[in-house]
Amino acid sequence: MEVRVGRMPGPLNLYAVEEGSTVKNVLKLAQVNSKGFRIEVNDDVAELNDEVSDGDTILLTKSVQGN
């Protein structure tokens, strides 16, 4: 199965992963450190132990704070 991974702003990269892979597994494969970032899968907040599905998009975003 294939999953897209990226930090915003920045490019999205496509990775082939095994069924049952978690967000943590995919980020490790992509060599992306999530420290200090909010993790989203398909625009929903996600945790490192959440499983991903074929076609998912994992985004790491910085929290925006108001005044």
PDB file of N, CA and C in Angstrom:
ATOM      1  N   MET A   1       0.842  -1.172   0.000  1.00  0.00           N
ATOM      2  CA  MET A   1       0.000   0.000   0.000  1.00  0.00           C
ATOM      3  C   MET A   1       0.887   1.235   0.000  1.00  0.00           C
ATOM      4  N   GLU A   2       0.330   2.365  -0.398  1.00  0.00           N
ATOM      5  CA  GLU A   2       1.100   3.597  -0.504  1.00  0.00           C
ATOM      6  C   GLU A   2       0.513   4.689   0.385  1.00  0.00           C
ATOM      7  N   VAL A   3       1.425   5.459   1.002  1.00  0.00           N
ATOM      8  CA  VAL A   3       1.051   6.538   1.916  1.00  0.00           C
ATOM      9  C   VAL A   3       1.904   7.756   1.575  1.00  0.00           C
ATOM     10  N   ARG A   4       1.289   8.926   1.597  1.00  0.00           N
ATOM     11  CA  ARG A   4       2.030  10.173   1.381  1.00  0.00           C
ATOM     12  C   ARG A   4       2.408  10.771   2.729  1.00  0.00           C
ATOM     13  N   VAL A   5       3.612  11.367   2.768  1.00  0.00           N
ATOM     14  CA  VAL A   5       4.110  11.970   4.002  1.00  0.00           C
ATOM     15  C   VAL A   5       4.733  13.321   3.674  1.00  0.00           C
ATOM     16  N   GLY A   6       4.468  14.310   4.533  1.00  0.00           N
ATOM     17  CA  GLY A   6       5.101  15.606   4.346  1.00  0.00           C
ATOM     18  C   GLY A   6       4.964  16.504   5.546  1.00  0.00           C
ATOM     19  N   ARG A   7       5.849  17.494   5.582  1.00  0.00           N
ATOM     20  CA  ARG A   7       5.770  18.576   6.566  1.00  0.00           C
ATOM     21  C   ARG A   7       5.263  19.796   5.843  1.00  0.00           C
ATOM     22  N   MET A   8       4.416  20.540   6.513  1.00  0.00           N
ATOM     23  CA  MET A   8       3.890  21.754   5.907  1.00  0.00           C
ATOM     24  C   MET A   8       4.578  22.961   6.512  1.00  0.00           C
ATOM     25  N   PRO A   9       5.089  23.880   5.720  1.00  0.00           N
ATOM     26  CA  PRO A   9       5.085  23.818   4.262  1.00  0.00           C
ATOM     27  C   PRO A   9       6.171  22.866   3.772  1.00  0.00           C
ATOM     28  N   GLY A  10       5.970  22.319   2.609  1.00  0.00           N
ATOM     29  CA  GLY A  10       6.954  21.422   2.011  1.00  0.00           C
ATOM     30  C   GLY A  10       6.292  20.405   1.107  1.00  0.00           C
ATOM     31  N   PRO A  11       7.118  19.595   0.455  1.00  0.00           N
ATOM     32  CA  PRO A  11       6.589  18.615  -0.492  1.00  0.00           C
ATOM     33  C   PRO A  11       6.014  17.384   0.203  1.00  0.00           C
ATOM     34  N   LEU A  12       5.154  16.672  -0.506  1.00  0.00           N
ATOM     35  CA  LEU A  12       4.653  15.372  -0.066  1.00  0.00           C
ATOM     36  C   LEU A  12       5.429  14.304  -0.827  1.00  0.00           C
ATOM     37  N   ASN A  13       5.850  13.264  -0.112  1.00  0.00           N
ATOM     38  CA  ASN A  13       6.550  12.152  -0.736  1.00  0.00           C
ATOM     39  C   ASN A  13       5.744  10.879  -0.548  1.00  0.00           C
ATOM     40  N   LEU A  14       5.815   9.996  -1.521  1.00  0.00           N
ATOM     41  CA  LEU A  14       5.048   8.761  -1.533  1.00  0.00           C
ATOM     42  C   LEU A  14       5.928   7.607  -1.055  1.00  0.00           C
ATOM     43  N   TYR A  15       5.392   6.780  -0.138  1.00  0.00           N
ATOM     44  CA  TYR A  15       6.120   5.637   0.408  1.00  0.00           C
ATOM     45  C   TYR A  15       5.265   4.388   0.313  1.00  0.00           C
ATOM     46  N   ALA A  16       5.913   3.284  -0.038  1.00  0.00           N
ATOM     47  CA  ALA A  16       5.257   1.978  -0.036  1.00  0.00           C
ATOM     48  C   ALA A  16       5.464   1.374   1.350  1.00  0.00           C
ATOM     49  N   VAL A  17       4.374   1.009   2.020  1.00  0.00           N
ATOM     50  CA  VAL A  17       4.445   0.453   3.377  1.00  0.00           C
ATOM     51  C   VAL A  17       3.615  -0.821   3.454  1.00  0.00           C
ATOM     52  N   GLU A  18       3.890  -1.616   4.483  1.00  0.00           N
ATOM     53  CA  GLU A  18       3.158  -2.867   4.671  1.00  0.00           C
ATOM     54  C   GLU A  18       1.822  -2.625   5.359  1.00  0.00           C
ATOM     55  N   GLU A  19       0.865  -3.502   5.100  1.00  0.00           N
ATOM     56  CA  GLU A  19      -0.427  -3.472   5.807  1.00  0.00           C
ATOM     57  C   GLU A  19      -0.144  -3.519   7.308  1.00  0.00           C
ATOM     58  N   GLY A  20      -0.914  -2.786   8.086  1.00  0.00           N
ATOM     59  CA  GLY A  20      -0.744  -2.774   9.534  1.00  0.00           C
ATOM     60  C   GLY A  20       0.286  -1.777  10.024  1.00  0.00           C
ATOM     61  N   SER A  21       0.892  -1.024   9.107  1.00  0.00           N
ATOM     62  CA  SER A  21       1.882  -0.022   9.513  1.00  0.00           C
ATOM     63  C   SER A  21       1.215   1.088  10.320  1.00  0.00           C
ATOM     64  N   THR A  22       1.958   1.638  11.268  1.00  0.00           N
ATOM     65  CA  THR A  22       1.471   2.748  12.078  1.00  0.00           C
ATOM     66  C   THR A  22       2.081   4.054  11.569  1.00  0.00           C
ATOM     67  N   VAL A  23       1.536   5.152  12.042  1.00  0.00           N
ATOM     68  CA  VAL A  23       2.088   6.469  11.715  1.00  0.00           C
ATOM     69  C   VAL A  23       3.571   6.488  12.081  1.00  0.00           C
ATOM     70  N   LYS A  24       3.917   5.952  13.244  1.00  0.00           N
ATOM     71  CA  LYS A  24       5.310   5.924  13.700  1.00  0.00           C
ATOM     72  C   LYS A  24       6.193   5.159  12.723  1.00  0.00           C
ATOM     73  N   ASN A  25       5.732   3.984  12.243  1.00  0.00           N
ATOM     74  CA  ASN A  25       6.490   3.190  11.271  1.00  0.00           C
ATOM     75  C   ASN A  25       6.756   3.988  10.000  1.00  0.00           C
ATOM     76  N   VAL A  26       5.721   4.658   9.515  1.00  0.00           N
ATOM     77  CA  VAL A  26       5.841   5.401   8.261  1.00  0.00           C
ATOM     78  C   VAL A  26       6.782   6.594   8.427  1.00  0.00           C
ATOM     79  N   LEU A  27       6.666   7.319   9.534  1.00  0.00           N
ATOM     80  CA  LEU A  27       7.550   8.465   9.763  1.00  0.00           C
ATOM     81  C   LEU A  27       9.003   8.017   9.869  1.00  0.00           C
ATOM     82  N   LYS A  28       9.220   6.851  10.485  1.00  0.00           N
ATOM     83  CA  LYS A  28      10.579   6.313  10.588  1.00  0.00           C
ATOM     84  C   LYS A  28      11.119   5.987   9.199  1.00  0.00           C
ATOM     85  N   LEU A  29      10.304   5.337   8.378  1.00  0.00           N
ATOM     86  CA  LEU A  29      10.698   5.015   7.005  1.00  0.00           C
ATOM     87  C   LEU A  29      11.028   6.291   6.221  1.00  0.00           C
ATOM     88  N   ALA A  30      10.226   7.321   6.424  1.00  0.00           N
ATOM     89  CA  ALA A  30      10.414   8.590   5.714  1.00  0.00           C
ATOM     90  C   ALA A  30      11.529   9.440   6.319  1.00  0.00           C
ATOM     91  N   GLN A  31      12.094   8.982   7.429  1.00  0.00           N
ATOM     92  CA  GLN A  31      13.139   9.712   8.158  1.00  0.00           C
ATOM     93  C   GLN A  31      12.681  11.115   8.530  1.00  0.00           C
ATOM     94  N   VAL A  32      11.460  11.170   9.079  1.00  0.00           N
ATOM     95  CA  VAL A  32      10.851  12.433   9.493  1.00  0.00           C
ATOM     96  C   VAL A  32      10.644  12.403  11.003  1.00  0.00           C
ATOM     97  N   ASN A  33      11.134  13.434  11.679  1.00  0.00           N
ATOM     98  CA  ASN A  33      10.973  13.559  13.125  1.00  0.00           C
ATOM     99  C   ASN A  33       9.715  14.388  13.404  1.00  0.00           C
ATOM    100  N   SER A  34       8.811  13.839  14.203  1.00  0.00           N
ATOM    101  CA  SER A  34       7.549  14.527  14.473  1.00  0.00           C
ATOM    102  C   SER A  34       7.602  15.440  15.694  1.00  0.00           C
ATOM    103  N   LYS A  35       8.730  15.481  16.377  1.00  0.00           N
ATOM    104  CA  LYS A  35       8.828  16.294  17.598  1.00  0.00           C
ATOM    105  C   LYS A  35       8.524  17.761  17.283  1.00  0.00           C
ATOM    106  N   GLY A  36       7.596  18.322  18.047  1.00  0.00           N
ATOM    107  CA  GLY A  36       7.230  19.726  17.877  1.00  0.00           C
ATOM    108  C   GLY A  36       6.175  19.967  16.800  1.00  0.00           C
ATOM    109  N   PHE A  37       5.692  18.880  16.190  1.00  0.00           N
ATOM    110  CA  PHE A  37       4.694  19.009  15.136  1.00  0.00           C
ATOM    111  C   PHE A  37       3.388  18.347  15.555  1.00  0.00           C
ATOM    112  N   ARG A  38       2.306  18.834  15.006  1.00  0.00           N
ATOM    113  CA  ARG A  38       1.005  18.188  15.144  1.00  0.00           C
ATOM    114  C   ARG A  38       0.913  17.172  14.006  1.00  0.00           C
ATOM    115  N   ILE A  39       0.454  15.965  14.315  1.00  0.00           N
ATOM    116  CA  ILE A  39       0.343  14.916  13.306  1.00  0.00           C
ATOM    117  C   ILE A  39      -1.102  14.825  12.846  1.00  0.00           C
ATOM    118  N   GLU A  40      -1.295  14.854  11.534  1.00  0.00           N
ATOM    119  CA  GLU A  40      -2.632  14.698  10.954  1.00  0.00           C
ATOM    120  C   GLU A  40      -2.596  13.593   9.902  1.00  0.00           C
ATOM    121  N   VAL A  41      -3.631  12.775   9.888  1.00  0.00           N
ATOM    122  CA  VAL A  41      -3.815  11.788   8.827  1.00  0.00           C
ATOM    123  C   VAL A  41      -5.142  12.128   8.160  1.00  0.00           C
ATOM    124  N   ASN A  42      -5.064  12.456   6.885  1.00  0.00           N
ATOM    125  CA  ASN A  42      -6.256  12.846   6.118  1.00  0.00           C
ATOM    126  C   ASN A  42      -7.036  13.963   6.816  1.00  0.00           C
ATOM    127  N   ASP A  43      -6.313  14.963   7.310  1.00  0.00           N
ATOM    128  CA  ASP A  43      -6.878  16.157   7.952  1.00  0.00           C
ATOM    129  C   ASP A  43      -7.458  15.923   9.342  1.00  0.00           C
ATOM    130  N   ASP A  44      -7.278  14.716   9.917  1.00  0.00           N
ATOM    131  CA  ASP A  44      -7.714  14.440  11.288  1.00  0.00           C
ATOM    132  C   ASP A  44      -6.492  14.290  12.180  1.00  0.00           C
ATOM    133  N   VAL A  45      -6.568  14.807  13.411  1.00  0.00           N
ATOM    134  CA  VAL A  45      -5.464  14.664  14.353  1.00  0.00           C
ATOM    135  C   VAL A  45      -5.205  13.178  14.594  1.00  0.00           C
ATOM    136  N   ALA A  46      -3.919  12.796  14.590  1.00  0.00           N
ATOM    137  CA  ALA A  46      -3.551  11.392  14.729  1.00  0.00           C
ATOM    138  C   ALA A  46      -2.473  11.220  15.784  1.00  0.00           C
ATOM    139  N   GLU A  47      -2.341   9.989  16.246  1.00  0.00           N
ATOM    140  CA  GLU A  47      -1.312   9.603  17.211  1.00  0.00           C
ATOM    141  C   GLU A  47      -0.306   8.689  16.521  1.00  0.00           C
ATOM    142  N   LEU A  48       0.885   8.571  17.075  1.00  0.00           N
ATOM    143  CA  LEU A  48       1.931   7.751  16.480  1.00  0.00           C
ATOM    144  C   LEU A  48       1.536   6.284  16.331  1.00  0.00           C
ATOM    145  N   ASN A  49       0.696   5.769  17.233  1.00  0.00           N
ATOM    146  CA  ASN A  49       0.321   4.352  17.193  1.00  0.00           C
ATOM    147  C   ASN A  49      -0.888   4.058  16.303  1.00  0.00           C
ATOM    148  N   ASP A  50      -1.456   5.076  15.657  1.00  0.00           N
ATOM    149  CA  ASP A  50      -2.592   4.856  14.762  1.00  0.00           C
ATOM    150  C   ASP A  50      -2.135   4.128  13.504  1.00  0.00           C
ATOM    151  N   GLU A  51      -2.932   3.160  13.049  1.00  0.00           N
ATOM    152  CA  GLU A  51      -2.630   2.456  11.805  1.00  0.00           C
ATOM    153  C   GLU A  51      -3.010   3.322  10.615  1.00  0.00           C
ATOM    154  N   VAL A  52      -2.238   3.172   9.539  1.00  0.00           N
ATOM    155  CA  VAL A  52      -2.537   3.893   8.311  1.00  0.00           C
ATOM    156  C   VAL A  52      -3.144   2.935   7.292  1.00  0.00           C
ATOM    157  N   SER A  53      -3.831   3.513   6.316  1.00  0.00           N
ATOM    158  CA  SER A  53      -4.468   2.742   5.254  1.00  0.00           C
ATOM    159  C   SER A  53      -3.924   3.199   3.910  1.00  0.00           C
ATOM    160  N   ASP A  54      -4.130   2.369   2.900  1.00  0.00           N
ATOM    161  CA  ASP A  54      -3.683   2.697   1.560  1.00  0.00           C
ATOM    162  C   ASP A  54      -4.280   4.033   1.123  1.00  0.00           C
ATOM    163  N   GLY A  55      -3.426   4.916   0.612  1.00  0.00           N
ATOM    164  CA  GLY A  55      -3.882   6.213   0.119  1.00  0.00           C
ATOM    165  C   GLY A  55      -3.910   7.315   1.164  1.00  0.00           C
ATOM    166  N   ASP A  56      -3.581   6.991   2.417  1.00  0.00           N
ATOM    167  CA  ASP A  56      -3.580   8.016   3.468  1.00  0.00           C
ATOM    168  C   ASP A  56      -2.501   9.069   3.208  1.00  0.00           C
ATOM    169  N   THR A  57      -2.734  10.261   3.754  1.00  0.00           N
ATOM    170  CA  THR A  57      -1.759  11.339   3.728  1.00  0.00           C
ATOM    171  C   THR A  57      -1.452  11.739   5.164  1.00  0.00           C
ATOM    172  N   ILE A  58      -0.176  11.629   5.537  1.00  0.00           N
ATOM    173  CA  ILE A  58       0.288  12.039   6.864  1.00  0.00           C
ATOM    174  C   ILE A  58       0.954  13.399   6.721  1.00  0.00           C
ATOM    175  N   LEU A  59       0.442  14.386   7.455  1.00  0.00           N
ATOM    176  CA  LEU A  59       1.023  15.724   7.443  1.00  0.00           C
ATOM    177  C   LEU A  59       1.498  16.087   8.832  1.00  0.00           C
ATOM    178  N   LEU A  60       2.653  16.713   8.892  1.00  0.00           N
ATOM    179  CA  LEU A  60       3.159  17.284  10.132  1.00  0.00           C
ATOM    180  C   LEU A  60       3.029  18.783  10.011  1.00  0.00           C
ATOM    181  N   THR A  61       2.321  19.381  10.943  1.00  0.00           N
ATOM    182  CA  THR A  61       2.086  20.823  10.883  1.00  0.00           C
ATOM    183  C   THR A  61       2.475  21.464  12.194  1.00  0.00           C
ATOM    184  N   LYS A  62       2.884  22.709  12.132  1.00  0.00           N
ATOM    185  CA  LYS A  62       3.171  23.481  13.338  1.00  0.00           C
ATOM    186  C   LYS A  62       1.878  24.093  13.834  1.00  0.00           C
ATOM    187  N   SER A  63       1.714  24.124  15.140  1.00  0.00           N
ATOM    188  CA  SER A  63       0.533  24.760  15.712  1.00  0.00           C
ATOM    189  C   SER A  63       0.644  26.265  15.536  1.00  0.00           C
ATOM    190  N   VAL A  64      -0.444  26.881  15.111  1.00  0.00           N
ATOM    191  CA  VAL A  64      -0.480  28.325  14.953  1.00  0.00           C
ATOM    192  C   VAL A  64      -1.154  28.905  16.188  1.00  0.00           C
ATOM    193  N   GLN A  65      -0.468  29.845  16.819  1.00  0.00           N
ATOM    194  CA  GLN A  65      -1.019  30.456  18.020  1.00  0.00           C
ATOM    195  C   GLN A  65      -1.441  31.884  17.726  1.00  0.00           C
ATOM    196  N   GLY A  66      -2.568  32.264  18.313  1.00  0.00           N
ATOM    197  CA  GLY A  66      -3.075  33.626  18.137  1.00  0.00           C
ATOM    198  C   GLY A  66      -2.406  34.597  19.068  1.00  0.00           C
ATOM    199  N   ASN A  67      -2.958  35.796  19.137  1.00  0.00           N
ATOM    200  CA  ASN A  67      -2.414  36.857  19.982  1.00  0.00           C
ATOM    201  C   ASN A  67      -2.505  36.514  21.416  1.00  0.00           C
TER     202      ASN A  67
END
